[in-house]
Amino acid sequence: MITGRRVRLRALERSDLELWREWINDPEIAAMLDRVLPVSPPEHERFFERCVIGNEHAVWFGIEDAETRRYIGNVWLWNIDNRHRRAEVRTFIGERSAWGSGAGSEGLSLIAVYAFQQLGLHKVFAYVMARNPRGRRALMKAGYHEEARLVGEAFWDGQFQDVWRMARLSC
């Protein structure tokens, strides 16, 4: 468990699956996660088994409100590359009442410290769609900087969208 001022990062649990699935099936949240189709309970269970429990190149955390201990979202390291000492960081806050509270940026900061101190990584990076300014602000607040703007990188709602690549280094 990793504790910050506003949030705690803890292991994801099977009991989180239903609320997590509800969040990612919310059209507004799905759009920010680049999800197109809804997720069924069996599909989500298979994903949990394969990508959360059975993936040695990823580390997943549930984000809890530090005061109430309420589960509010996820943050994870994806495609951990030990040779190049880097990983992609991904996150979402599903609990709408926690939006704008700083929970996302604190989760992003805590997982970066974990990546650097516990895993010995040098760099964590994230991709955020230009249409998600809240996500980009959370990354910047957590110490990530802009590495690149990938012009026309994603196709959404009938048009090409830009994507930002944001990164934070261990030094």
C-alpha atoms as a PDB file:
ATOM      1  CA  MET A   1       0.000   0.000   0.000  1.00  0.00           C
ATOM      2  CA  ILE A   2       1.257   3.469  -0.918  1.00  0.00           C
ATOM      3  CA  THR A   3      -0.264   6.399   0.944  1.00  0.00           C
ATOM      4  CA  GLY A   4      -0.345  10.032  -0.093  1.00  0.00           C
ATOM      5  CA  ARG A   5      -2.194  13.052   1.276  1.00  0.00           C
ATOM      6  CA  ARG A   6      -5.455  12.497  -0.607  1.00  0.00           C
ATOM      7  CA  VAL A   7      -5.241   8.928  -1.900  1.00  0.00           C
ATOM      8  CA  ARG A   8      -3.880   5.470  -1.209  1.00  0.00           C
ATOM      9  CA  LEU A   9      -2.745   3.035  -3.863  1.00  0.00           C
ATOM     10  CA  ARG A  10      -3.622  -0.553  -3.032  1.00  0.00           C
ATOM     11  CA  ALA A  11      -3.880  -3.881  -4.814  1.00  0.00           C
ATOM     12  CA  LEU A  12      -6.879  -4.263  -7.086  1.00  0.00           C
ATOM     13  CA  GLU A  13      -9.346  -6.791  -5.751  1.00  0.00           C
ATOM     14  CA  ARG A  14     -11.936  -8.973  -7.405  1.00  0.00           C
ATOM     15  CA  SER A  15     -14.556  -7.052  -5.403  1.00  0.00           C
ATOM     16  CA  ASP A  16     -13.588  -3.919  -7.417  1.00  0.00           C
ATOM     17  CA  LEU A  17     -14.563  -5.471 -10.751  1.00  0.00           C
ATOM     18  CA  GLU A  18     -18.240  -4.525 -10.907  1.00  0.00           C
ATOM     19  CA  LEU A  19     -17.743  -0.857 -10.069  1.00  0.00           C
ATOM     20  CA  TRP A  20     -14.692  -0.705 -12.355  1.00  0.00           C
ATOM     21  CA  ARG A  21     -16.753  -2.203 -15.209  1.00  0.00           C
ATOM     22  CA  GLU A  22     -19.564   0.266 -14.534  1.00  0.00           C
ATOM     23  CA  TRP A  23     -17.102   3.150 -14.825  1.00  0.00           C
ATOM     24  CA  ILE A  24     -15.521   2.014 -18.081  1.00  0.00           C
ATOM     25  CA  ASN A  25     -18.969   1.461 -19.584  1.00  0.00           C
ATOM     26  CA  ASP A  26     -19.897   5.076 -18.815  1.00  0.00           C
ATOM     27  CA  PRO A  27     -19.778   6.805 -22.247  1.00  0.00           C
ATOM     28  CA  GLU A  28     -17.942   9.887 -20.965  1.00  0.00           C
ATOM     29  CA  ILE A  29     -15.240   7.847 -19.202  1.00  0.00           C
ATOM     30  CA  ALA A  30     -15.011   5.358 -22.084  1.00  0.00           C
ATOM     31  CA  ALA A  31     -14.317   8.233 -24.496  1.00  0.00           C
ATOM     32  CA  MET A  32     -11.351   9.410 -22.411  1.00  0.00           C
ATOM     33  CA  LEU A  33     -10.027   5.812 -22.259  1.00  0.00           C
ATOM     34  CA  ASP A  34     -10.460   5.370 -26.032  1.00  0.00           C
ATOM     35  CA  ARG A  35     -12.982   2.548 -25.477  1.00  0.00           C
ATOM     36  CA  VAL A  36     -15.628   2.021 -28.133  1.00  0.00           C
ATOM     37  CA  LEU A  37     -17.602  -1.042 -27.071  1.00  0.00           C
ATOM     38  CA  PRO A  38     -19.177  -1.831 -23.698  1.00  0.00           C
ATOM     39  CA  VAL A  39     -17.523  -4.482 -21.547  1.00  0.00           C
ATOM     40  CA  SER A  40     -19.519  -7.520 -20.389  1.00  0.00           C
ATOM     41  CA  PRO A  41     -18.968  -9.172 -16.975  1.00  0.00           C
ATOM     42  CA  PRO A  42     -17.292 -12.290 -18.481  1.00  0.00           C
ATOM     43  CA  GLU A  43     -15.039 -10.152 -20.693  1.00  0.00           C
ATOM     44  CA  HIS A  44     -14.029  -8.023 -17.707  1.00  0.00           C
ATOM     45  CA  GLU A  45     -13.298 -11.123 -15.614  1.00  0.00           C
ATOM     46  CA  ARG A  46     -11.071 -12.530 -18.392  1.00  0.00           C
ATOM     47  CA  PHE A  47      -9.273  -9.175 -18.655  1.00  0.00           C
ATOM     48  CA  PHE A  48      -8.683  -9.139 -14.899  1.00  0.00           C
ATOM     49  CA  GLU A  49      -7.236 -12.653 -14.956  1.00  0.00           C
ATOM     50  CA  ARG A  50      -5.037 -12.119 -18.029  1.00  0.00           C
ATOM     51  CA  CYS A  51      -3.933  -8.484 -17.773  1.00  0.00           C
ATOM     52  CA  VAL A  52      -4.039  -7.670 -14.070  1.00  0.00           C
ATOM     53  CA  ILE A  53      -3.198 -10.921 -12.292  1.00  0.00           C
ATOM     54  CA  GLY A  54      -1.341 -12.753 -15.069  1.00  0.00           C
ATOM     55  CA  ASN A  55       0.751  -9.973 -16.635  1.00  0.00           C
ATOM     56  CA  GLU A  56       4.346  -9.817 -15.434  1.00  0.00           C
ATOM     57  CA  HIS A  57       4.898  -6.595 -17.428  1.00  0.00           C
ATOM     58  CA  ALA A  58       2.252  -4.573 -15.594  1.00  0.00           C
ATOM     59  CA  VAL A  59       1.574  -3.380 -12.057  1.00  0.00           C
ATOM     60  CA  TRP A  60      -1.968  -2.354 -11.161  1.00  0.00           C
ATOM     61  CA  PHE A  61      -3.276  -0.359  -8.213  1.00  0.00           C
ATOM     62  CA  GLY A  62      -6.720   0.655  -7.094  1.00  0.00           C
ATOM     63  CA  ILE A  63      -6.941   4.268  -5.989  1.00  0.00           C
ATOM     64  CA  GLU A  64      -8.774   4.897  -2.729  1.00  0.00           C
ATOM     65  CA  ASP A  65      -9.729   8.134  -1.046  1.00  0.00           C
ATOM     66  CA  ALA A  66      -7.270   8.246   1.886  1.00  0.00           C
ATOM     67  CA  GLU A  67      -9.896   9.463   4.332  1.00  0.00           C
ATOM     68  CA  THR A  68     -12.970   7.401   3.414  1.00  0.00           C
ATOM     69  CA  ARG A  69     -11.156   4.350   1.959  1.00  0.00           C
ATOM     70  CA  ARG A  70     -13.639   4.472  -0.929  1.00  0.00           C
ATOM     71  CA  TYR A  71     -12.388   2.966  -4.222  1.00  0.00           C
ATOM     72  CA  ILE A  72     -12.358   5.781  -6.802  1.00  0.00           C
ATOM     73  CA  GLY A  73     -10.225   4.629  -9.751  1.00  0.00           C
ATOM     74  CA  ASN A  74      -7.149   2.814 -11.034  1.00  0.00           C
ATOM     75  CA  VAL A  75      -3.563   3.619 -11.908  1.00  0.00           C
ATOM     76  CA  TRP A  76      -1.140   1.184 -13.466  1.00  0.00           C
ATOM     77  CA  LEU A  77       2.204   0.704 -15.151  1.00  0.00           C
ATOM     78  CA  TRP A  78       1.876  -1.003 -18.529  1.00  0.00           C
ATOM     79  CA  ASN A  79       4.531  -2.629 -20.736  1.00  0.00           C
ATOM     80  CA  ILE A  80       7.225  -2.377 -18.085  1.00  0.00           C
ATOM     81  CA  ASP A  81      10.497  -2.517 -19.988  1.00  0.00           C
ATOM     82  CA  ASN A  82      13.307  -3.460 -17.589  1.00  0.00           C
ATOM     83  CA  ARG A  83      16.006  -3.271 -20.261  1.00  0.00           C
ATOM     84  CA  HIS A  84      15.272   0.365 -21.111  1.00  0.00           C
ATOM     85  CA  ARG A  85      13.945   1.060 -17.584  1.00  0.00           C
ATOM     86  CA  ARG A  86      10.662   2.627 -18.676  1.00  0.00           C
ATOM     87  CA  ALA A  87       6.929   1.971 -18.544  1.00  0.00           C
ATOM     88  CA  GLU A  88       3.716   3.540 -19.732  1.00  0.00           C
ATOM     89  CA  VAL A  89       1.482   4.846 -16.956  1.00  0.00           C
ATOM     90  CA  ARG A  90      -2.289   4.779 -17.315  1.00  0.00           C
ATOM     91  CA  THR A  91      -5.003   6.004 -14.990  1.00  0.00           C
ATOM     92  CA  PHE A  92      -8.609   6.958 -14.615  1.00  0.00           C
ATOM     93  CA  ILE A  93     -10.781   8.273 -11.845  1.00  0.00           C
ATOM     94  CA  GLY A  94     -14.175   6.646 -12.246  1.00  0.00           C
ATOM     95  CA  GLU A  95     -15.861   8.140  -9.214  1.00  0.00           C
ATOM     96  CA  ARG A  96     -17.296  11.413 -10.506  1.00  0.00           C
ATOM     97  CA  SER A  97     -17.391  13.013  -7.041  1.00  0.00           C
ATOM     98  CA  ALA A  98     -13.563  12.710  -6.995  1.00  0.00           C
ATOM     99  CA  TRP A  99     -13.102  14.525 -10.328  1.00  0.00           C
ATOM    100  CA  GLY A 100     -11.185  17.763  -9.860  1.00  0.00           C
ATOM    101  CA  SER A 101     -10.074  16.790  -6.343  1.00  0.00           C
ATOM    102  CA  GLY A 102      -6.418  16.183  -7.219  1.00  0.00           C
ATOM    103  CA  ALA A 103      -6.804  12.417  -6.720  1.00  0.00           C
ATOM    104  CA  GLY A 104      -5.685  11.619 -10.278  1.00  0.00           C
ATOM    105  CA  SER A 105      -2.573  13.773 -10.164  1.00  0.00           C
ATOM    106  CA  GLU A 106      -1.598  12.406  -6.757  1.00  0.00           C
ATOM    107  CA  GLY A 107      -2.084   8.830  -8.001  1.00  0.00           C
ATOM    108  CA  LEU A 108       0.112   9.613 -11.018  1.00  0.00           C
ATOM    109  CA  SER A 109       2.784  11.076  -8.767  1.00  0.00           C
ATOM    110  CA  LEU A 110       2.705   8.159  -6.308  1.00  0.00           C
ATOM    111  CA  ILE A 111       3.011   5.539  -9.047  1.00  0.00           C
ATOM    112  CA  ALA A 112       5.961   7.416 -10.572  1.00  0.00           C
ATOM    113  CA  VAL A 113       7.779   7.353  -7.231  1.00  0.00           C
ATOM    114  CA  TYR A 114       6.966   3.628  -6.934  1.00  0.00           C
ATOM    115  CA  ALA A 115       8.308   3.022 -10.468  1.00  0.00           C
ATOM    116  CA  PHE A 116      11.549   4.853  -9.733  1.00  0.00           C
ATOM    117  CA  GLN A 117      12.227   3.674  -6.176  1.00  0.00           C
ATOM    118  CA  GLN A 118      10.793   0.137  -6.166  1.00  0.00           C
ATOM    119  CA  LEU A 119      11.235  -0.958  -9.784  1.00  0.00           C
ATOM    120  CA  GLY A 120      14.354   1.036 -10.640  1.00  0.00           C
ATOM    121  CA  LEU A 121      12.784   2.602 -13.720  1.00  0.00           C
ATOM    122  CA  HIS A 122      14.180   5.793 -15.225  1.00  0.00           C
ATOM    123  CA  LYS A 123      11.112   7.010 -17.106  1.00  0.00           C
ATOM    124  CA  VAL A 124       7.347   6.755 -17.003  1.00  0.00           C
ATOM    125  CA  PHE A 125       5.237   8.139 -19.820  1.00  0.00           C
ATOM    126  CA  ALA A 126       1.592   8.517 -20.748  1.00  0.00           C
ATOM    127  CA  TYR A 127      -0.505   9.188 -23.811  1.00  0.00           C
ATOM    128  CA  VAL A 128      -3.411  11.583 -23.414  1.00  0.00           C
ATOM    129  CA  MET A 129      -5.816  12.661 -26.131  1.00  0.00           C
ATOM    130  CA  ALA A 130      -5.821  16.384 -26.842  1.00  0.00           C
ATOM    131  CA  ARG A 131      -9.565  16.356 -26.192  1.00  0.00           C
ATOM    132  CA  ASN A 132      -8.824  15.382 -22.557  1.00  0.00           C
ATOM    133  CA  PRO A 133      -7.391  18.594 -21.067  1.00  0.00           C
ATOM    134  CA  ARG A 134      -8.251  17.471 -17.518  1.00  0.00           C
ATOM    135  CA  GLY A 135      -6.039  14.387 -17.965  1.00  0.00           C
ATOM    136  CA  ARG A 136      -3.218  16.471 -19.368  1.00  0.00           C
ATOM    137  CA  ARG A 137      -3.433  18.929 -16.448  1.00  0.00           C
ATOM    138  CA  ALA A 138      -3.347  16.025 -13.952  1.00  0.00           C
ATOM    139  CA  LEU A 139      -0.155  14.723 -15.562  1.00  0.00           C
ATOM    140  CA  MET A 140       1.482  18.159 -15.532  1.00  0.00           C
ATOM    141  CA  LYS A 141       0.511  18.682 -11.887  1.00  0.00           C
ATOM    142  CA  ALA A 142       2.142  15.303 -11.111  1.00  0.00           C
ATOM    143  CA  GLY A 143       5.456  16.410 -12.615  1.00  0.00           C
ATOM    144  CA  TYR A 144       5.114  15.013 -16.139  1.00  0.00           C
ATOM    145  CA  HIS A 145       6.231  17.170 -19.053  1.00  0.00           C
ATOM    146  CA  GLU A 146       5.252  17.229 -22.695  1.00  0.00           C
ATOM    147  CA  GLU A 147       7.510  15.110 -24.893  1.00  0.00           C
ATOM    148  CA  ALA A 148       5.566  15.236 -28.116  1.00  0.00           C
ATOM    149  CA  ARG A 149       2.293  16.080 -29.771  1.00  0.00           C
ATOM    150  CA  LEU A 150       1.315  13.255 -32.111  1.00  0.00           C
ATOM    151  CA  VAL A 151      -0.727  15.027 -34.762  1.00  0.00           C
ATOM    152  CA  GLY A 152      -3.731  13.108 -36.090  1.00  0.00           C
ATOM    153  CA  GLU A 153      -2.765  10.026 -34.066  1.00  0.00           C
ATOM    154  CA  ALA A 154      -6.244   8.803 -33.076  1.00  0.00           C
ATOM    155  CA  PHE A 155      -9.513   8.529 -34.992  1.00  0.00           C
ATOM    156  CA  TRP A 156     -12.568   9.354 -32.897  1.00  0.00           C
ATOM    157  CA  ASP A 157     -16.071  10.615 -33.736  1.00  0.00           C
ATOM    158  CA  GLY A 158     -15.297  10.687 -37.448  1.00  0.00           C
ATOM    159  CA  GLN A 159     -12.147  12.776 -37.252  1.00  0.00           C
ATOM    160  CA  PHE A 160      -8.478  12.476 -36.455  1.00  0.00           C
ATOM    161  CA  GLN A 161      -7.413  13.716 -33.029  1.00  0.00           C
ATOM    162  CA  ASP A 162      -4.040  14.734 -31.665  1.00  0.00           C
ATOM    163  CA  VAL A 163      -2.472  12.813 -28.784  1.00  0.00           C
ATOM    164  CA  TRP A 164       0.055  14.170 -26.290  1.00  0.00           C
ATOM    165  CA  ARG A 165       2.920  12.056 -24.981  1.00  0.00           C
ATOM    166  CA  MET A 166       3.820  13.152 -21.458  1.00  0.00           C
ATOM    167  CA  ALA A 167       6.759  11.835 -19.407  1.00  0.00           C
ATOM    168  CA  ARG A 168       8.461  12.037 -16.041  1.00  0.00           C
ATOM    169  CA  LEU A 169      12.088  11.091 -15.397  1.00  0.00           C
ATOM    170  CA  SER A 170      13.586   9.674 -12.231  1.00  0.00           C
ATOM    171  CA  CYS A 171      16.220  12.386 -11.891  1.00  0.00           C
END
